Amino acid sequence: MTEVPQHAFDDAALVLESALSGDSDAVVGTFDAVVDRFGVVGAYDVAWCLAATMVGQVPPGGAWTLDFPGIDDARYDKRWVARFVSAYMNGDISTGEALFGAAIADGQLPDCLLALAGSTVATLRHRAA
């Protein structure tokens, strides 16, 4: 959907490894290290990789809509994950960036990224079952 540098894939793998083992401190630590090295853009790239992992192969063409009953009543981080993944599905980079910026402005980005990692792991486990 968008070109991301190899280090983003490597960092996303580290995030998933930590999330799979249930180590939320390591997930946050990996994102912090990414921000230290590459800034917020680096964290965005890792989040985009996590969305790609969660979604898997996207069929070409068409617009995807978000079907999440009760989304307006969900916690901030859960709403953010659903909307960020929807932006990924539609290749809507500007919406993904806007969501990222809003989470930063609202002081919610760490929780959102942790929720994204957790949702990705839950999806991978569901697929494996």
C-alpha atoms as a PDB file:
ATOM      1  CA  MET A   1       0.000   0.000   0.000  1.00  0.00           C
ATOM      2  CA  THR A   2       2.842   2.369   0.820  1.00  0.00           C
ATOM      3  CA  GLU A   3       6.580   2.022   0.749  1.00  0.00           C
ATOM      4  CA  VAL A   4       8.040   1.512   4.197  1.00  0.00           C
ATOM      5  CA  PRO A   5      11.707   1.041   5.007  1.00  0.00           C
ATOM      6  CA  GLN A   6      13.039  -2.387   5.953  1.00  0.00           C
ATOM      7  CA  HIS A   7      13.742  -1.284   9.522  1.00  0.00           C
ATOM      8  CA  ALA A   8       9.993  -0.742   9.993  1.00  0.00           C
ATOM      9  CA  PHE A   9       9.339  -4.402   9.155  1.00  0.00           C
ATOM     10  CA  ASP A  10      12.129  -5.463  11.509  1.00  0.00           C
ATOM     11  CA  ASP A  11      10.765  -3.279  14.313  1.00  0.00           C
ATOM     12  CA  ALA A  12       7.219  -4.502  13.672  1.00  0.00           C
ATOM     13  CA  ALA A  13       8.502  -8.070  14.047  1.00  0.00           C
ATOM     14  CA  LEU A  14      10.038  -7.108  17.406  1.00  0.00           C
ATOM     15  CA  VAL A  15       6.759  -5.522  18.496  1.00  0.00           C
ATOM     16  CA  LEU A  16       4.839  -8.660  17.516  1.00  0.00           C
ATOM     17  CA  GLU A  17       7.335 -10.935  19.239  1.00  0.00           C
ATOM     18  CA  SER A  18       6.918  -8.949  22.461  1.00  0.00           C
ATOM     19  CA  ALA A  19       3.133  -8.778  22.098  1.00  0.00           C
ATOM     20  CA  LEU A  20       2.894 -12.518  21.443  1.00  0.00           C
ATOM     21  CA  SER A  21       4.768 -13.161  24.682  1.00  0.00           C
ATOM     22  CA  GLY A  22       2.488 -10.744  26.542  1.00  0.00           C
ATOM     23  CA  ASP A  23       5.262  -8.267  27.327  1.00  0.00           C
ATOM     24  CA  SER A  24       3.517  -4.904  26.935  1.00  0.00           C
ATOM     25  CA  ASP A  25       6.504  -3.073  28.443  1.00  0.00           C
ATOM     26  CA  ALA A  26       8.703  -4.439  25.637  1.00  0.00           C
ATOM     27  CA  VAL A  27       6.105  -3.385  23.037  1.00  0.00           C
ATOM     28  CA  VAL A  28       6.150   0.160  24.400  1.00  0.00           C
ATOM     29  CA  GLY A  29       9.947   0.055  24.687  1.00  0.00           C
ATOM     30  CA  THR A  30      10.302  -0.959  21.048  1.00  0.00           C
ATOM     31  CA  PHE A  31       8.050   1.875  19.916  1.00  0.00           C
ATOM     32  CA  ASP A  32      10.002   4.299  22.118  1.00  0.00           C
ATOM     33  CA  ALA A  33      13.267   3.107  20.554  1.00  0.00           C
ATOM     34  CA  VAL A  34      11.793   3.557  17.079  1.00  0.00           C
ATOM     35  CA  VAL A  35      10.760   7.121  17.906  1.00  0.00           C
ATOM     36  CA  ASP A  36      14.248   7.812  19.291  1.00  0.00           C
ATOM     37  CA  ARG A  37      15.847   6.583  16.057  1.00  0.00           C
ATOM     38  CA  PHE A  38      13.382   7.673  13.375  1.00  0.00           C
ATOM     39  CA  GLY A  39      10.886  10.027  15.010  1.00  0.00           C
ATOM     40  CA  VAL A  40       7.130   9.735  14.846  1.00  0.00           C
ATOM     41  CA  VAL A  41       7.358   8.807  11.161  1.00  0.00           C
ATOM     42  CA  GLY A  42       9.191   5.635  12.187  1.00  0.00           C
ATOM     43  CA  ALA A  43       6.437   4.722  14.641  1.00  0.00           C
ATOM     44  CA  TYR A  44       3.854   5.376  11.923  1.00  0.00           C
ATOM     45  CA  ASP A  45       5.707   3.035   9.558  1.00  0.00           C
ATOM     46  CA  VAL A  46       5.746   0.289  12.205  1.00  0.00           C
ATOM     47  CA  ALA A  47       2.031   0.808  12.869  1.00  0.00           C
ATOM     48  CA  TRP A  48       1.345   0.576   9.109  1.00  0.00           C
ATOM     49  CA  CYS A  49       3.247  -2.744   9.076  1.00  0.00           C
ATOM     50  CA  LEU A  50       1.164  -4.016  11.993  1.00  0.00           C
ATOM     51  CA  ALA A  51      -2.031  -3.068  10.157  1.00  0.00           C
ATOM     52  CA  ALA A  52      -0.742  -4.917   7.093  1.00  0.00           C
ATOM     53  CA  THR A  53      -0.038  -7.980   9.227  1.00  0.00           C
ATOM     54  CA  MET A  54      -3.486  -7.837  10.768  1.00  0.00           C
ATOM     55  CA  VAL A  55      -5.274  -7.446   7.450  1.00  0.00           C
ATOM     56  CA  GLY A  56      -3.237  -9.909   5.412  1.00  0.00           C
ATOM     57  CA  GLN A  57      -3.746  -9.941   1.658  1.00  0.00           C
ATOM     58  CA  VAL A  58      -6.104  -7.167   0.546  1.00  0.00           C
ATOM     59  CA  PRO A  59      -8.070  -7.939  -2.618  1.00  0.00           C
ATOM     60  CA  PRO A  60      -7.424  -5.282  -5.275  1.00  0.00           C
ATOM     61  CA  GLY A  61      -9.938  -2.567  -6.027  1.00  0.00           C
ATOM     62  CA  GLY A  62     -12.998  -1.404  -4.237  1.00  0.00           C
ATOM     63  CA  ALA A  63     -13.530   0.715  -1.167  1.00  0.00           C
ATOM     64  CA  TRP A  64     -13.698  -0.850   2.249  1.00  0.00           C
ATOM     65  CA  THR A  65     -16.039   0.380   4.954  1.00  0.00           C
ATOM     66  CA  LEU A  66     -15.694   0.073   8.683  1.00  0.00           C
ATOM     67  CA  ASP A  67     -18.299  -2.259  10.180  1.00  0.00           C
ATOM     68  CA  PHE A  68     -17.884  -1.959  13.919  1.00  0.00           C
ATOM     69  CA  PRO A  69     -21.233  -1.776  15.715  1.00  0.00           C
ATOM     70  CA  GLY A  70     -21.035   0.535  18.711  1.00  0.00           C
ATOM     71  CA  ILE A  71     -17.693   2.045  17.654  1.00  0.00           C
ATOM     72  CA  ASP A  72     -18.665   5.436  19.038  1.00  0.00           C
ATOM     73  CA  ASP A  73     -19.017   3.849  22.481  1.00  0.00           C
ATOM     74  CA  ALA A  74     -15.699   1.988  22.341  1.00  0.00           C
ATOM     75  CA  ARG A  75     -12.618   3.188  24.197  1.00  0.00           C
ATOM     76  CA  TYR A  76     -10.425   5.711  22.383  1.00  0.00           C
ATOM     77  CA  ASP A  77      -7.694   3.181  21.606  1.00  0.00           C
ATOM     78  CA  LYS A  78     -10.138   0.634  20.198  1.00  0.00           C
ATOM     79  CA  ARG A  79     -11.844   3.245  17.996  1.00  0.00           C
ATOM     80  CA  TRP A  80      -8.425   4.399  16.832  1.00  0.00           C
ATOM     81  CA  VAL A  81      -7.305   0.868  15.909  1.00  0.00           C
ATOM     82  CA  ALA A  82     -10.487   0.198  13.950  1.00  0.00           C
ATOM     83  CA  ARG A  83     -10.175   3.457  12.052  1.00  0.00           C
ATOM     84  CA  PHE A  84      -6.428   3.107  11.451  1.00  0.00           C
ATOM     85  CA  VAL A  85      -6.858  -0.410  10.064  1.00  0.00           C
ATOM     86  CA  SER A  86      -9.720   0.846   7.902  1.00  0.00           C
ATOM     87  CA  ALA A  87      -7.422   3.580   6.569  1.00  0.00           C
ATOM     88  CA  TYR A  88      -4.816   0.924   5.795  1.00  0.00           C
ATOM     89  CA  MET A  89      -7.385  -1.254   4.002  1.00  0.00           C
ATOM     90  CA  ASN A  90      -8.325   1.672   1.786  1.00  0.00           C
ATOM     91  CA  GLY A  91      -4.751   2.796   1.203  1.00  0.00           C
ATOM     92  CA  ASP A  92      -5.802   6.096   2.753  1.00  0.00           C
ATOM     93  CA  ILE A  93      -2.461   7.371   4.001  1.00  0.00           C
ATOM     94  CA  SER A  94      -3.753  10.879   4.763  1.00  0.00           C
ATOM     95  CA  THR A  95      -6.413   9.494   7.123  1.00  0.00           C
ATOM     96  CA  GLY A  96      -3.854   7.225   8.765  1.00  0.00           C
ATOM     97  CA  GLU A  97      -1.569  10.204   9.294  1.00  0.00           C
ATOM     98  CA  ALA A  98      -4.459  12.296  10.637  1.00  0.00           C
ATOM     99  CA  LEU A  99      -5.391   9.555  13.103  1.00  0.00           C
ATOM    100  CA  PHE A 100      -1.771   9.337  14.213  1.00  0.00           C
ATOM    101  CA  GLY A 101      -1.604  13.103  14.699  1.00  0.00           C
ATOM    102  CA  ALA A 102      -4.867  13.167  16.644  1.00  0.00           C
ATOM    103  CA  ALA A 103      -3.669  10.384  18.954  1.00  0.00           C
ATOM    104  CA  ILE A 104      -0.471  12.341  19.597  1.00  0.00           C
ATOM    105  CA  ALA A 105      -2.405  15.558  20.275  1.00  0.00           C
ATOM    106  CA  ASP A 106      -4.779  13.711  22.614  1.00  0.00           C
ATOM    107  CA  GLY A 107      -1.895  12.036  24.481  1.00  0.00           C
ATOM    108  CA  GLN A 108      -3.263   8.628  23.465  1.00  0.00           C
ATOM    109  CA  LEU A 109      -0.674   7.351  20.977  1.00  0.00           C
ATOM    110  CA  PRO A 110       1.093   4.898  23.335  1.00  0.00           C
ATOM    111  CA  ASP A 111      -2.231   3.282  24.281  1.00  0.00           C
ATOM    112  CA  CYS A 112      -3.315   3.194  20.636  1.00  0.00           C
ATOM    113  CA  LEU A 113      -0.105   1.522  19.500  1.00  0.00           C
ATOM    114  CA  LEU A 114      -0.327  -1.009  22.316  1.00  0.00           C
ATOM    115  CA  ALA A 115      -3.937  -1.745  21.326  1.00  0.00           C
ATOM    116  CA  LEU A 116      -2.885  -2.117  17.683  1.00  0.00           C
ATOM    117  CA  ALA A 117      -0.185  -4.617  18.657  1.00  0.00           C
ATOM    118  CA  GLY A 118      -2.663  -6.525  20.822  1.00  0.00           C
ATOM    119  CA  SER A 119      -5.301  -6.568  18.092  1.00  0.00           C
ATOM    120  CA  THR A 120      -2.755  -7.800  15.568  1.00  0.00           C
ATOM    121  CA  VAL A 121      -1.713 -10.631  17.879  1.00  0.00           C
ATOM    122  CA  ALA A 122      -5.352 -11.538  18.552  1.00  0.00           C
ATOM    123  CA  THR A 123      -5.999 -11.657  14.808  1.00  0.00           C
ATOM    124  CA  LEU A 124      -2.952 -13.853  14.191  1.00  0.00           C
ATOM    125  CA  ARG A 125      -4.014 -16.234  16.967  1.00  0.00           C
ATOM    126  CA  HIS A 126      -7.543 -16.363  15.590  1.00  0.00           C
ATOM    127  CA  ARG A 127      -6.241 -17.261  12.140  1.00  0.00           C
ATOM    128  CA  ALA A 128      -4.042 -20.001  13.574  1.00  0.00           C
ATOM    129  CA  ALA A 129      -6.910 -21.595  15.511  1.00  0.00           C
END
